[in-house]
Protein backbone atom coordinates (compact mmCIF):
# COMPACT_ATOMS: atom_id res chain seq x y z
CA MET A 1 74.26 85.95 115.37
CA ASN A 2 77.50 85.84 113.87
CA SER A 3 81.20 85.98 115.15
CA LEU A 4 81.85 89.62 113.84
CA ASP A 5 78.08 90.33 116.31
CA SER A 6 78.96 88.65 118.91
CA ILE A 7 82.68 90.08 119.48
CA ARG A 8 80.90 93.91 119.24
CA ILE A 9 78.28 93.31 121.73
CA TYR A 10 79.79 91.15 124.42
CA GLY A 11 84.19 91.72 123.33
CA LEU A 12 83.87 95.38 122.99
CA ALA A 13 81.36 96.62 125.27
CA ASP A 14 81.75 98.47 127.70
CA LYS A 15 83.20 97.05 131.45
CA THR A 16 83.50 100.77 133.03
CA ALA A 17 81.50 98.94 135.79
CA ALA A 18 82.66 95.87 135.91
CA TRP A 19 86.37 97.12 136.11
CA ARG A 20 84.58 99.20 138.90
CA ARG A 21 83.52 96.19 140.66
CA GLU A 22 86.37 94.52 140.44
CA LEU A 23 89.04 97.39 141.57
CA LYS A 24 86.39 97.39 144.63
CA ARG A 25 86.85 93.54 145.81
CA THR A 26 90.15 94.22 144.87
CA CYS A 27 90.78 96.85 147.49
CA TRP A 28 89.04 94.69 150.30
CA THR A 29 91.04 92.02 149.59
CA ARG A 30 93.99 94.45 149.75
CA LYS A 31 92.86 96.36 152.96
CA ARG A 32 91.61 92.14 154.62
CA LEU A 33 95.26 91.66 153.34
CA GLN A 34 97.37 93.99 155.04
CA GLU A 35 95.14 94.15 158.44
CA SER A 36 96.51 90.06 158.66
CA THR A 37 100.14 91.58 159.31
CA GLU A 38 100.33 90.46 162.99
CA ASN A 39 99.02 86.94 162.44
CA LEU A 40 100.79 86.42 159.52
CA LYS A 41 104.25 87.16 160.80
CA ALA A 42 103.30 85.10 163.71
CA LEU A 43 103.31 82.55 161.17
CA GLY A 44 106.48 83.68 159.23
CA LEU A 45 104.53 84.92 156.25
CA LEU A 46 105.21 88.86 156.43
CA SER A 47 107.40 88.09 152.94
CA ARG A 48 104.73 86.78 150.99
CA GLN A 49 102.13 89.36 152.74
CA ALA A 50 104.48 92.09 150.83
CA ALA A 51 104.38 90.58 147.13
CA ALA A 52 100.42 89.51 147.48
CA ILE A 53 100.49 93.61 148.79
CA GLN A 54 102.79 94.68 146.27
CA LYS A 55 100.96 92.24 143.24
CA LEU A 56 97.42 93.97 144.30
CA ASP A 57 98.58 97.11 144.08
CA ARG A 58 99.64 97.04 140.40
CA ARG A 59 95.69 95.56 139.88
CA ILE A 60 94.60 97.70 141.26
CA ASN A 61 96.51 100.43 139.72
CA ALA A 62 95.93 99.07 136.15
CA LEU A 63 92.20 99.08 137.11
CA GLU A 64 92.50 102.58 137.83
CA SER A 65 93.97 103.02 134.47
CA ARG A 66 91.89 100.80 131.78
CA ILE A 67 89.04 103.02 134.11
CA GLN A 68 90.15 106.72 133.09
CA ASN A 69 91.93 105.19 129.63
CA ASN A 70 88.47 104.56 128.41
CA THR A 71 86.75 107.88 129.06
CA HIS A 72 89.05 108.84 126.27
CA ASN A 73 88.45 109.17 122.78
CA ARG A 74 90.58 106.25 120.82
CA LEU A 75 92.69 109.22 119.61
CA LYS A 76 93.90 109.64 122.31
CA ARG A 77 93.66 106.52 124.99
CA PHE A 78 96.30 104.63 121.86
CA PRO A 79 99.12 105.99 123.07
CA LYS A 80 98.18 105.14 127.01
CA VAL A 81 97.04 101.56 126.59
CA MET A 82 100.36 101.25 125.06
CA LYS A 83 102.43 102.48 128.40
CA LEU A 84 100.74 99.74 129.78
CA TRP A 85 100.32 97.33 127.89
CA LEU A 86 104.63 97.48 127.98
CA SER A 87 105.14 98.28 132.03
CA GLY A 88 103.60 94.72 132.27
CA ASP A 89 100.73 95.64 133.54
CA TYR A 90 97.68 93.74 130.75
CA ASN A 91 98.78 89.95 131.94
CA ASN A 92 96.87 91.38 134.82
CA PHE A 93 94.22 90.61 132.56
CA SER A 94 93.41 88.43 129.15
CA GLY A 95 96.94 90.09 127.81
CA TRP A 96 97.36 91.43 124.09
CA LYS A 97 93.06 91.05 123.83
CA SER A 98 92.03 93.14 126.14
CA VAL A 99 95.52 95.40 124.34
CA LEU A 100 93.21 95.73 121.84
CA LYS A 101 90.28 95.53 123.00
CA ASP A 102 90.84 98.42 125.09
CA ILE A 103 92.08 100.58 121.83
CA ILE A 104 89.02 100.03 119.45
CA ARG A 105 85.59 99.94 122.43
CA GLN A 106 83.73 102.66 122.45
CA GLN A 107 84.58 105.56 124.87
CA SER A 108 82.58 105.32 128.16
CA ASN A 109 79.58 107.43 128.61
CA TYR A 110 81.27 107.33 132.66
CA SER A 111 82.86 109.38 134.24
């Protein structure tokens, strides 16, 4: 197997199932953090909680967008991926490498 084969097989494989697992974990983390308000208030950490929740919300939105974008063909997906990149949401992932993969990856079979 050469480098191009490994990129095609592993780098461009459908990641929808993995993104959904990550989305579920991130939502669970956000919920647990939100439930900890009283404890964090007693420790004087509410401002950090708010910042962490905001960061988790951005990641959740970015994951949801990637899942949704991957259900479209490449032409329809391209402007949505670019919008997500320009908003800075690919900083939650591997930056421009994830952008490139999302543009050229095959359309997902998941709905």
